Amino acid sequence: MLLGKVVGTLVATRKDEKLEGLKFLVLQRLDINGQPMDGYVVAADAVGAGLDEVVLYATGSSARQTVLTDRRPCDAAIMAIVDTWEVDGDVKYQKVEPIPDLRGFD
């Protein structure tokens, strides 16, 4: 599996019928330290990821191992949303949940 950050979406209204119902996201590849790498990947989203989230994705035949992508012509799939990761005891990433806007609530 590989690391990526969701940086955009992709919409294709005309596509093979086996791709109907899939949500496609654009990922910036990340290295083990969380730094952006050259290149982007378009991946089918199997877990409900959103913009700016760090995800684990798989490519090749592994991308067709999710319930959502099984038997579909898919070469990259998001399989997990990352909460935290550390390398050699150093936290490289920690997901921060947004603070809800409570204005107007008493």
PDB file of N, CA and C in Angstrom:
ATOM      1  N   MET A   1       0.840  -1.182   0.000  1.00  0.00           N
ATOM      2  CA  MET A   1       0.000   0.000   0.000  1.00  0.00           C
ATOM      3  C   MET A   1       0.877   1.235   0.000  1.00  0.00           C
ATOM      4  N   LEU A   2       0.301   2.312  -0.470  1.00  0.00           N
ATOM      5  CA  LEU A   2       1.027   3.565  -0.642  1.00  0.00           C
ATOM      6  C   LEU A   2       0.290   4.684   0.080  1.00  0.00           C
ATOM      7  N   LEU A   3       1.021   5.771   0.362  1.00  0.00           N
ATOM      8  CA  LEU A   3       0.436   6.926   1.037  1.00  0.00           C
ATOM      9  C   LEU A   3       0.140   8.033   0.040  1.00  0.00           C
ATOM     10  N   GLY A   4      -0.986   8.706   0.245  1.00  0.00           N
ATOM     11  CA  GLY A   4      -1.341   9.835  -0.603  1.00  0.00           C
ATOM     12  C   GLY A   4      -2.215  10.812   0.153  1.00  0.00           C
ATOM     13  N   LYS A   5      -2.287  12.036  -0.361  1.00  0.00           N
ATOM     14  CA  LYS A   5      -3.159  13.061   0.213  1.00  0.00           C
ATOM     15  C   LYS A   5      -4.192  13.427  -0.841  1.00  0.00           C
ATOM     16  N   VAL A   6      -5.456  13.480  -0.442  1.00  0.00           N
ATOM     17  CA  VAL A   6      -6.529  13.836  -1.368  1.00  0.00           C
ATOM     18  C   VAL A   6      -6.435  15.324  -1.675  1.00  0.00           C
ATOM     19  N   VAL A   7      -6.213  15.635  -2.952  1.00  0.00           N
ATOM     20  CA  VAL A   7      -6.065  17.038  -3.361  1.00  0.00           C
ATOM     21  C   VAL A   7      -7.144  17.483  -4.342  1.00  0.00           C
ATOM     22  N   GLY A   8      -7.995  16.565  -4.761  1.00  0.00           N
ATOM     23  CA  GLY A   8      -9.037  16.951  -5.697  1.00  0.00           C
ATOM     24  C   GLY A   8      -9.968  15.805  -6.039  1.00  0.00           C
ATOM     25  N   THR A   9     -10.932  16.125  -6.887  1.00  0.00           N
ATOM     26  CA  THR A   9     -11.898  15.129  -7.344  1.00  0.00           C
ATOM     27  C   THR A   9     -11.841  15.032  -8.863  1.00  0.00           C
ATOM     28  N   LEU A  10     -12.392  13.961  -9.381  1.00  0.00           N
ATOM     29  CA  LEU A  10     -12.471  13.779 -10.822  1.00  0.00           C
ATOM     30  C   LEU A  10     -13.873  13.301 -11.154  1.00  0.00           C
ATOM     31  N   VAL A  11     -14.508  13.971 -12.100  1.00  0.00           N
ATOM     32  CA  VAL A  11     -15.843  13.595 -12.538  1.00  0.00           C
ATOM     33  C   VAL A  11     -15.765  13.202 -14.004  1.00  0.00           C
ATOM     34  N   ALA A  12     -16.311  12.030 -14.316  1.00  0.00           N
ATOM     35  CA  ALA A  12     -16.374  11.552 -15.704  1.00  0.00           C
ATOM     36  C   ALA A  12     -17.799  11.084 -15.952  1.00  0.00           C
ATOM     37  N   THR A  13     -18.568  11.868 -16.718  1.00  0.00           N
ATOM     38  CA  THR A  13     -19.960  11.509 -16.947  1.00  0.00           C
ATOM     39  C   THR A  13     -20.099  10.377 -17.962  1.00  0.00           C
ATOM     40  N   ARG A  14     -19.150  10.273 -18.888  1.00  0.00           N
ATOM     41  CA  ARG A  14     -19.165   9.176 -19.861  1.00  0.00           C
ATOM     42  C   ARG A  14     -18.033   8.228 -19.511  1.00  0.00           C
ATOM     43  N   LYS A  15     -18.409   7.001 -19.157  1.00  0.00           N
ATOM     44  CA  LYS A  15     -17.411   6.018 -18.735  1.00  0.00           C
ATOM     45  C   LYS A  15     -17.973   4.618 -18.944  1.00  0.00           C
ATOM     46  N   ASP A  16     -17.097   3.636 -18.842  1.00  0.00           N
ATOM     47  CA  ASP A  16     -17.519   2.251 -18.920  1.00  0.00           C
ATOM     48  C   ASP A  16     -18.561   1.985 -17.837  1.00  0.00           C
ATOM     49  N   GLU A  17     -19.563   1.207 -18.175  1.00  0.00           N
ATOM     50  CA  GLU A  17     -20.651   0.944 -17.217  1.00  0.00           C
ATOM     51  C   GLU A  17     -20.163   0.288 -15.926  1.00  0.00           C
ATOM     52  N   LYS A  18     -19.042  -0.414 -15.959  1.00  0.00           N
ATOM     53  CA  LYS A  18     -18.517  -1.036 -14.747  1.00  0.00           C
ATOM     54  C   LYS A  18     -17.957  -0.006 -13.763  1.00  0.00           C
ATOM     55  N   LEU A  19     -17.759   1.226 -14.227  1.00  0.00           N
ATOM     56  CA  LEU A  19     -17.257   2.287 -13.347  1.00  0.00           C
ATOM     57  C   LEU A  19     -18.390   3.129 -12.755  1.00  0.00           C
ATOM     58  N   GLU A  20     -19.617   2.844 -13.153  1.00  0.00           N
ATOM     59  CA  GLU A  20     -20.760   3.592 -12.614  1.00  0.00           C
ATOM     60  C   GLU A  20     -20.813   3.433 -11.096  1.00  0.00           C
ATOM     61  N   GLY A  21     -21.088   4.526 -10.405  1.00  0.00           N
ATOM     62  CA  GLY A  21     -21.236   4.497  -8.956  1.00  0.00           C
ATOM     63  C   GLY A  21     -19.949   4.692  -8.172  1.00  0.00           C
ATOM     64  N   LEU A  22     -18.806   4.727  -8.860  1.00  0.00           N
ATOM     65  CA  LEU A  22     -17.537   4.952  -8.167  1.00  0.00           C
ATOM     66  C   LEU A  22     -17.256   6.441  -8.048  1.00  0.00           C
ATOM     67  N   LYS A  23     -16.702   6.841  -6.918  1.00  0.00           N
ATOM     68  CA  LYS A  23     -16.240   8.218  -6.713  1.00  0.00           C
ATOM     69  C   LYS A  23     -14.726   8.214  -6.938  1.00  0.00           C
ATOM     70  N   PHE A  24     -14.251   9.147  -7.750  1.00  0.00           N
ATOM     71  CA  PHE A  24     -12.826   9.218  -8.055  1.00  0.00           C
ATOM     72  C   PHE A  24     -12.204  10.437  -7.387  1.00  0.00           C
ATOM     73  N   LEU A  25     -11.052  10.216  -6.754  1.00  0.00           N
ATOM     74  CA  LEU A  25     -10.323  11.298  -6.099  1.00  0.00           C
ATOM     75  C   LEU A  25      -8.916  11.387  -6.668  1.00  0.00           C
ATOM     76  N   VAL A  26      -8.388  12.609  -6.688  1.00  0.00           N
ATOM     77  CA  VAL A  26      -7.019  12.855  -7.150  1.00  0.00           C
ATOM     78  C   VAL A  26      -6.123  12.883  -5.915  1.00  0.00           C
ATOM     79  N   LEU A  27      -5.065  12.066  -5.943  1.00  0.00           N
ATOM     80  CA  LEU A  27      -4.146  11.954  -4.814  1.00  0.00           C
ATOM     81  C   LEU A  27      -2.770  12.484  -5.169  1.00  0.00           C
ATOM     82  N   GLN A  28      -2.173  13.231  -4.251  1.00  0.00           N
ATOM     83  CA  GLN A  28      -0.758  13.608  -4.330  1.00  0.00           C
ATOM     84  C   GLN A  28       0.002  12.520  -3.605  1.00  0.00           C
ATOM     85  N   ARG A  29       0.932  11.888  -4.268  1.00  0.00           N
ATOM     86  CA  ARG A  29       1.721  10.830  -3.619  1.00  0.00           C
ATOM     87  C   ARG A  29       2.564  11.428  -2.504  1.00  0.00           C
ATOM     88  N   LEU A  30       2.741  10.676  -1.407  1.00  0.00           N
ATOM     89  CA  LEU A  30       3.544  11.118  -0.265  1.00  0.00           C
ATOM     90  C   LEU A  30       4.660  10.120   0.007  1.00  0.00           C
ATOM     91  N   ASP A  31       5.819  10.639   0.456  1.00  0.00           N
ATOM     92  CA  ASP A  31       6.898   9.735   0.866  1.00  0.00           C
ATOM     93  C   ASP A  31       6.694   9.343   2.329  1.00  0.00           C
ATOM     94  N   ILE A  32       7.572   8.531   2.870  1.00  0.00           N
ATOM     95  CA  ILE A  32       7.420   8.009   4.230  1.00  0.00           C
ATOM     96  C   ILE A  32       7.455   9.108   5.294  1.00  0.00           C
ATOM     97  N   ASN A  33       7.993  10.279   4.944  1.00  0.00           N
ATOM     98  CA  ASN A  33       8.023  11.412   5.876  1.00  0.00           C
ATOM     99  C   ASN A  33       6.846  12.355   5.690  1.00  0.00           C
ATOM    100  N   GLY A  34       5.931  11.995   4.803  1.00  0.00           N
ATOM    101  CA  GLY A  34       4.751  12.823   4.568  1.00  0.00           C
ATOM    102  C   GLY A  34       4.982  13.954   3.597  1.00  0.00           C
ATOM    103  N   GLN A  35       6.111  13.945   2.915  1.00  0.00           N
ATOM    104  CA  GLN A  35       6.428  14.996   1.950  1.00  0.00           C
ATOM    105  C   GLN A  35       5.878  14.632   0.572  1.00  0.00           C
ATOM    106  N   PRO A  36       5.355  15.620  -0.161  1.00  0.00           N
ATOM    107  CA  PRO A  36       4.828  15.345  -1.500  1.00  0.00           C
ATOM    108  C   PRO A  36       5.909  14.809  -2.438  1.00  0.00           C
ATOM    109  N   MET A  37       5.522  13.854  -3.263  1.00  0.00           N
ATOM    110  CA  MET A  37       6.392  13.300  -4.297  1.00  0.00           C
ATOM    111  C   MET A  37       5.868  13.747  -5.653  1.00  0.00           C
ATOM    112  N   ASP A  38       6.707  13.624  -6.658  1.00  0.00           N
ATOM    113  CA  ASP A  38       6.251  13.933  -8.016  1.00  0.00           C
ATOM    114  C   ASP A  38       5.143  12.969  -8.403  1.00  0.00           C
ATOM    115  N   GLY A  39       4.184  13.475  -9.097  1.00  0.00           N
ATOM    116  CA  GLY A  39       3.135  12.641  -9.647  1.00  0.00           C
ATOM    117  C   GLY A  39       1.865  12.616  -8.830  1.00  0.00           C
ATOM    118  N   TYR A  40       0.794  12.372  -9.545  1.00  0.00           N
ATOM    119  CA  TYR A  40      -0.535  12.276  -8.955  1.00  0.00           C
ATOM    120  C   TYR A  40      -1.144  10.950  -9.378  1.00  0.00           C
ATOM    121  N   VAL A  41      -2.152  10.510  -8.620  1.00  0.00           N
ATOM    122  CA  VAL A  41      -2.852   9.269  -8.905  1.00  0.00           C
ATOM    123  C   VAL A  41      -4.348   9.553  -8.819  1.00  0.00           C
ATOM    124  N   VAL A  42      -5.100   9.008  -9.757  1.00  0.00           N
ATOM    125  CA  VAL A  42      -6.558   9.034  -9.653  1.00  0.00           C
ATOM    126  C   VAL A  42      -6.971   7.678  -9.107  1.00  0.00           C
ATOM    127  N   ALA A  43      -7.721   7.690  -8.004  1.00  0.00           N
ATOM    128  CA  ALA A  43      -8.088   6.440  -7.340  1.00  0.00           C
ATOM    129  C   ALA A  43      -9.583   6.394  -7.057  1.00  0.00           C
ATOM    130  N   ALA A  44     -10.151   5.201  -7.162  1.00  0.00           N
ATOM    131  CA  ALA A  44     -11.536   4.983  -6.747  1.00  0.00           C
ATOM    132  C   ALA A  44     -11.563   4.990  -5.225  1.00  0.00           C
ATOM    133  N   ASP A  45     -12.551   5.659  -4.659  1.00  0.00           N
ATOM    134  CA  ASP A  45     -12.656   5.795  -3.206  1.00  0.00           C
ATOM    135  C   ASP A  45     -13.565   4.707  -2.646  1.00  0.00           C
ATOM    136  N   ALA A  46     -12.984   3.773  -1.901  1.00  0.00           N
ATOM    137  CA  ALA A  46     -13.752   2.673  -1.315  1.00  0.00           C
ATOM    138  C   ALA A  46     -14.117   2.918   0.140  1.00  0.00           C
ATOM    139  N   VAL A  47     -13.708   4.076   0.709  1.00  0.00           N
ATOM    140  CA  VAL A  47     -13.906   4.289   2.150  1.00  0.00           C
ATOM    141  C   VAL A  47     -14.526   5.639   2.529  1.00  0.00           C
ATOM    142  N   GLY A  48     -14.863   6.470   1.571  1.00  0.00           N
ATOM    143  CA  GLY A  48     -15.469   7.759   1.886  1.00  0.00           C
ATOM    144  C   GLY A  48     -14.487   8.828   2.308  1.00  0.00           C
ATOM    145  N   ALA A  49     -13.331   8.867   1.677  1.00  0.00           N
ATOM    146  CA  ALA A  49     -12.309   9.870   1.989  1.00  0.00           C
ATOM    147  C   ALA A  49     -12.742  11.247   1.492  1.00  0.00           C
ATOM    148  N   GLY A  50     -12.119  12.275   2.073  1.00  0.00           N
ATOM    149  CA  GLY A  50     -12.444  13.643   1.693  1.00  0.00           C
ATOM    150  C   GLY A  50     -11.204  14.470   1.419  1.00  0.00           C
ATOM    151  N   LEU A  51     -11.427  15.671   0.937  1.00  0.00           N
ATOM    152  CA  LEU A  51     -10.362  16.603   0.578  1.00  0.00           C
ATOM    153  C   LEU A  51      -9.420  16.818   1.761  1.00  0.00           C
ATOM    154  N   ASP A  52      -8.135  16.822   1.494  1.00  0.00           N
ATOM    155  CA  ASP A  52      -7.046  17.048   2.455  1.00  0.00           C
ATOM    156  C   ASP A  52      -6.776  15.873   3.400  1.00  0.00           C
ATOM    157  N   GLU A  53      -7.504  14.776   3.271  1.00  0.00           N
ATOM    158  CA  GLU A  53      -7.219  13.625   4.125  1.00  0.00           C
ATOM    159  C   GLU A  53      -6.045  12.827   3.571  1.00  0.00           C
ATOM    160  N   VAL A  54      -5.279  12.226   4.473  1.00  0.00           N
ATOM    161  CA  VAL A  54      -4.193  11.333   4.089  1.00  0.00           C
ATOM    162  C   VAL A  54      -4.774   9.923   4.061  1.00  0.00           C
ATOM    163  N   VAL A  55      -4.455   9.194   2.994  1.00  0.00           N
ATOM    164  CA  VAL A  55      -5.054   7.878   2.779  1.00  0.00           C
ATOM    165  C   VAL A  55      -4.007   6.840   2.409  1.00  0.00           C
ATOM    166  N   LEU A  56      -4.392   5.581   2.575  1.00  0.00           N
ATOM    167  CA  LEU A  56      -3.630   4.460   2.044  1.00  0.00           C
ATOM    168  C   LEU A  56      -4.334   4.024   0.771  1.00  0.00           C
ATOM    169  N   TYR A  57      -3.557   3.820  -0.281  1.00  0.00           N
ATOM    170  CA  TYR A  57      -4.161   3.347  -1.516  1.00  0.00           C
ATOM    171  C   TYR A  57      -3.315   2.216  -2.087  1.00  0.00           C
ATOM    172  N   ALA A  58      -3.954   1.415  -2.901  1.00  0.00           N
ATOM    173  CA  ALA A  58      -3.276   0.303  -3.554  1.00  0.00           C
ATOM    174  C   ALA A  58      -3.441   0.462  -5.055  1.00  0.00           C
ATOM    175  N   THR A  59      -2.490  -0.093  -5.791  1.00  0.00           N
ATOM    176  CA  THR A  59      -2.547  -0.041  -7.249  1.00  0.00           C
ATOM    177  C   THR A  59      -2.467  -1.451  -7.817  1.00  0.00           C
ATOM    178  N   GLY A  60      -2.724  -1.543  -9.110  1.00  0.00           N
ATOM    179  CA  GLY A  60      -2.649  -2.838  -9.781  1.00  0.00           C
ATOM    180  C   GLY A  60      -3.769  -3.763  -9.339  1.00  0.00           C
ATOM    181  N   SER A  61      -3.501  -5.060  -9.360  1.00  0.00           N
ATOM    182  CA  SER A  61      -4.545  -6.033  -9.022  1.00  0.00           C
ATOM    183  C   SER A  61      -5.028  -5.886  -7.589  1.00  0.00           C
ATOM    184  N   SER A  62      -4.200  -5.364  -6.692  1.00  0.00           N
ATOM    185  CA  SER A  62      -4.626  -5.141  -5.300  1.00  0.00           C
ATOM    186  C   SER A  62      -5.762  -4.130  -5.216  1.00  0.00           C
ATOM    187  N   ALA A  63      -5.839  -3.214  -6.172  1.00  0.00           N
ATOM    188  CA  ALA A  63      -6.892  -2.202  -6.173  1.00  0.00           C
ATOM    189  C   ALA A  63      -8.265  -2.818  -6.425  1.00  0.00           C
ATOM    190  N   ARG A  64      -8.297  -4.014  -6.950  1.00  0.00           N
ATOM    191  CA  ARG A  64      -9.565  -4.675  -7.234  1.00  0.00           C
ATOM    192  C   ARG A  64      -9.958  -5.662  -6.131  1.00  0.00           C
ATOM    193  N   GLN A  65      -9.392  -5.499  -4.942  1.00  0.00           N
ATOM    194  CA  GLN A  65      -9.669  -6.410  -3.841  1.00  0.00           C
ATOM    195  C   GLN A  65     -10.684  -5.865  -2.836  1.00  0.00           C
ATOM    196  N   THR A  66     -11.240  -4.679  -3.072  1.00  0.00           N
ATOM    197  CA  THR A  66     -12.263  -4.151  -2.171  1.00  0.00           C
ATOM    198  C   THR A  66     -13.632  -4.600  -2.651  1.00  0.00           C
ATOM    199  N   VAL A  67     -14.602  -4.549  -1.765  1.00  0.00           N
ATOM    200  CA  VAL A  67     -15.973  -4.899  -2.142  1.00  0.00           C
ATOM    201  C   VAL A  67     -16.444  -3.985  -3.266  1.00  0.00           C
ATOM    202  N   LEU A  68     -16.107  -2.708  -3.178  1.00  0.00           N
ATOM    203  CA  LEU A  68     -16.567  -1.727  -4.158  1.00  0.00           C
ATOM    204  C   LEU A  68     -15.900  -1.874  -5.526  1.00  0.00           C
ATOM    205  N   THR A  69     -14.650  -2.304  -5.565  1.00  0.00           N
ATOM    206  CA  THR A  69     -13.916  -2.352  -6.842  1.00  0.00           C
ATOM    207  C   THR A  69     -13.779  -3.756  -7.427  1.00  0.00           C
ATOM    208  N   ASP A  70     -14.318  -4.760  -6.765  1.00  0.00           N
ATOM    209  CA  ASP A  70     -14.209  -6.137  -7.244  1.00  0.00           C
ATOM    210  C   ASP A  70     -14.756  -6.277  -8.663  1.00  0.00           C
ATOM    211  N   ARG A  71     -13.936  -6.854  -9.543  1.00  0.00           N
ATOM    212  CA  ARG A  71     -14.300  -7.129 -10.944  1.00  0.00           C
ATOM    213  C   ARG A  71     -14.569  -5.858 -11.758  1.00  0.00           C
ATOM    214  N   ARG A  72     -13.956  -4.758 -11.340  1.00  0.00           N
ATOM    215  CA  ARG A  72     -14.094  -3.503 -12.095  1.00  0.00           C
ATOM    216  C   ARG A  72     -12.738  -3.120 -12.667  1.00  0.00           C
ATOM    217  N   PRO A  73     -12.728  -2.412 -13.798  1.00  0.00           N
ATOM    218  CA  PRO A  73     -11.453  -1.999 -14.409  1.00  0.00           C
ATOM    219  C   PRO A  73     -10.836  -0.819 -13.649  1.00  0.00           C
ATOM    220  N   CYS A  74     -10.284  -1.111 -12.503  1.00  0.00           N
ATOM    221  CA  CYS A  74      -9.770  -0.092 -11.597  1.00  0.00           C
ATOM    222  C   CYS A  74      -8.310  -0.387 -11.289  1.00  0.00           C
ATOM    223  N   ASP A  75      -7.443   0.616 -11.449  1.00  0.00           N
ATOM    224  CA  ASP A  75      -6.012   0.405 -11.220  1.00  0.00           C
ATOM    225  C   ASP A  75      -5.497   1.046  -9.934  1.00  0.00           C
ATOM    226  N   ALA A  76      -6.337   1.836  -9.262  1.00  0.00           N
ATOM    227  CA  ALA A  76      -5.946   2.434  -7.981  1.00  0.00           C
ATOM    228  C   ALA A  76      -7.200   2.600  -7.130  1.00  0.00           C
ATOM    229  N   ALA A  77      -7.090   2.230  -5.853  1.00  0.00           N
ATOM    230  CA  ALA A  77      -8.233   2.348  -4.947  1.00  0.00           C
ATOM    231  C   ALA A  77      -7.769   2.784  -3.571  1.00  0.00           C
ATOM    232  N   ILE A  78      -8.530   3.710  -2.983  1.00  0.00           N
ATOM    233  CA  ILE A  78      -8.286   4.141  -1.613  1.00  0.00           C
ATOM    234  C   ILE A  78      -8.893   3.090  -0.703  1.00  0.00           C
ATOM    235  N   MET A  79      -8.063   2.557   0.212  1.00  0.00           N
ATOM    236  CA  MET A  79      -8.496   1.462   1.071  1.00  0.00           C
ATOM    237  C   MET A  79      -8.567   1.830   2.539  1.00  0.00           C
ATOM    238  N   ALA A  80      -8.025   2.983   2.923  1.00  0.00           N
ATOM    239  CA  ALA A  80      -8.057   3.390   4.336  1.00  0.00           C
ATOM    240  C   ALA A  80      -7.795   4.885   4.450  1.00  0.00           C
ATOM    241  N   ILE A  81      -8.372   5.486   5.489  1.00  0.00           N
ATOM    242  CA  ILE A  81      -8.084   6.872   5.843  1.00  0.00           C
ATOM    243  C   ILE A  81      -7.140   6.824   7.041  1.00  0.00           C
ATOM    244  N   VAL A  82      -6.015   7.512   6.940  1.00  0.00           N
ATOM    245  CA  VAL A  82      -4.974   7.460   7.969  1.00  0.00           C
ATOM    246  C   VAL A  82      -5.341   8.363   9.143  1.00  0.00           C
ATOM    247  N   ASP A  83      -5.240   7.817  10.349  1.00  0.00           N
ATOM    248  CA  ASP A  83      -5.434   8.609  11.566  1.00  0.00           C
ATOM    249  C   ASP A  83      -4.093   9.120  12.086  1.00  0.00           C
ATOM    250  N   THR A  84      -3.100   8.252  12.092  1.00  0.00           N
ATOM    251  CA  THR A  84      -1.765   8.634  12.550  1.00  0.00           C
ATOM    252  C   THR A  84      -0.753   7.670  11.972  1.00  0.00           C
ATOM    253  N   TRP A  85       0.486   8.149  11.810  1.00  0.00           N
ATOM    254  CA  TRP A  85       1.578   7.247  11.490  1.00  0.00           C
ATOM    255  C   TRP A  85       2.856   7.791  12.070  1.00  0.00           C
ATOM    256  N   GLU A  86       3.716   6.843  12.467  1.00  0.00           N
ATOM    257  CA  GLU A  86       5.001   7.219  13.040  1.00  0.00           C
ATOM    258  C   GLU A  86       6.076   6.328  12.446  1.00  0.00           C
ATOM    259  N   VAL A  87       7.280   6.875  12.383  1.00  0.00           N
ATOM    260  CA  VAL A  87       8.438   6.160  11.860  1.00  0.00           C
ATOM    261  C   VAL A  87       9.575   6.332  12.869  1.00  0.00           C
ATOM    262  N   ASP A  88      10.109   5.220  13.335  1.00  0.00           N
ATOM    263  CA  ASP A  88      11.200   5.250  14.320  1.00  0.00           C
ATOM    264  C   ASP A  88      10.874   6.122  15.532  1.00  0.00           C
ATOM    265  N   GLY A  89       9.632   6.051  16.003  1.00  0.00           N
ATOM    266  CA  GLY A  89       9.221   6.792  17.185  1.00  0.00           C
ATOM    267  C   GLY A  89       8.862   8.240  16.939  1.00  0.00           C
ATOM    268  N   ASP A  90       8.981   8.706  15.691  1.00  0.00           N
ATOM    269  CA  ASP A  90       8.674  10.091  15.345  1.00  0.00           C
ATOM    270  C   ASP A  90       7.327  10.132  14.628  1.00  0.00           C
ATOM    271  N   VAL A  91       6.355  10.859  15.194  1.00  0.00           N
ATOM    272  CA  VAL A  91       5.044  10.971  14.570  1.00  0.00           C
ATOM    273  C   VAL A  91       5.167  11.828  13.314  1.00  0.00           C
ATOM    274  N   LYS A  92       4.840  11.228  12.188  1.00  0.00           N
ATOM    275  CA  LYS A  92       4.916  11.919  10.898  1.00  0.00           C
ATOM    276  C   LYS A  92       3.600  12.588  10.532  1.00  0.00           C
ATOM    277  N   TYR A  93       2.507  12.047  11.049  1.00  0.00           N
ATOM    278  CA  TYR A  93       1.186  12.593  10.715  1.00  0.00           C
ATOM    279  C   TYR A  93       0.204  12.256  11.820  1.00  0.00           C
ATOM    280  N   GLN A  94      -0.639  13.216  12.170  1.00  0.00           N
ATOM    281  CA  GLN A  94      -1.726  13.012  13.123  1.00  0.00           C
ATOM    282  C   GLN A  94      -2.938  13.731  12.567  1.00  0.00           C
ATOM    283  N   LYS A  95      -3.997  12.984  12.303  1.00  0.00           N
ATOM    284  CA  LYS A  95      -5.215  13.584  11.768  1.00  0.00           C
ATOM    285  C   LYS A  95      -5.822  14.513  12.811  1.00  0.00           C
ATOM    286  N   VAL A  96      -6.228  15.668  12.377  1.00  0.00           N
ATOM    287  CA  VAL A  96      -6.872  16.643  13.249  1.00  0.00           C
ATOM    288  C   VAL A  96      -8.318  16.761  12.804  1.00  0.00           C
ATOM    289  N   GLU A  97      -9.214  16.438  13.716  1.00  0.00           N
ATOM    290  CA  GLU A  97     -10.639  16.556  13.418  1.00  0.00           C
ATOM    291  C   GLU A  97     -11.031  18.032  13.457  1.00  0.00           C
ATOM    292  N   PRO A  98     -11.842  18.473  12.503  1.00  0.00           N
ATOM    293  CA  PRO A  98     -12.275  19.871  12.531  1.00  0.00           C
ATOM    294  C   PRO A  98     -13.135  20.162  13.751  1.00  0.00           C
ATOM    295  N   ILE A  99     -13.003  21.367  14.265  1.00  0.00           N
ATOM    296  CA  ILE A  99     -13.806  21.802  15.398  1.00  0.00           C
ATOM    297  C   ILE A  99     -15.160  22.235  14.854  1.00  0.00           C
ATOM    298  N   PRO A 100     -16.255  21.678  15.398  1.00  0.00           N
ATOM    299  CA  PRO A 100     -17.572  22.039  14.878  1.00  0.00           C
ATOM    300  C   PRO A 100     -17.913  23.505  15.158  1.00  0.00           C
ATOM    301  N   ASP A 101     -18.628  24.110  14.228  1.00  0.00           N
ATOM    302  CA  ASP A 101     -19.074  25.480  14.382  1.00  0.00           C
ATOM    303  C   ASP A 101     -20.344  25.466  15.227  1.00  0.00           C
ATOM    304  N   LEU A 102     -20.243  25.964  16.441  1.00  0.00           N
ATOM    305  CA  LEU A 102     -21.385  25.932  17.361  1.00  0.00           C
ATOM    306  C   LEU A 102     -22.054  27.293  17.509  1.00  0.00           C
ATOM    307  N   ARG A 103     -21.705  28.228  16.645  1.00  0.00           N
ATOM    308  CA  ARG A 103     -22.354  29.543  16.718  1.00  0.00           C
ATOM    309  C   ARG A 103     -23.862  29.384  16.521  1.00  0.00           C
ATOM    310  N   GLY A 104     -24.601  30.062  17.325  1.00  0.00           N
ATOM    311  CA  GLY A 104     -26.054  30.004  17.211  1.00  0.00           C
ATOM    312  C   GLY A 104     -26.675  28.906  18.056  1.00  0.00           C
ATOM    313  N   PHE A 105     -25.825  28.080  18.706  1.00  0.00           N
ATOM    314  CA  PHE A 105     -26.354  27.040  19.594  1.00  0.00           C
ATOM    315  C   PHE A 105     -26.119  27.467  21.033  1.00  0.00           C
ATOM    316  N   ASP A 106     -27.106  27.293  21.881  1.00  0.00           N
ATOM    317  CA  ASP A 106     -26.966  27.631  23.303  1.00  0.00           C
ATOM    318  C   ASP A 106     -26.832  26.401  24.126  1.00  0.00           C
TER     319      ASP A 106
END
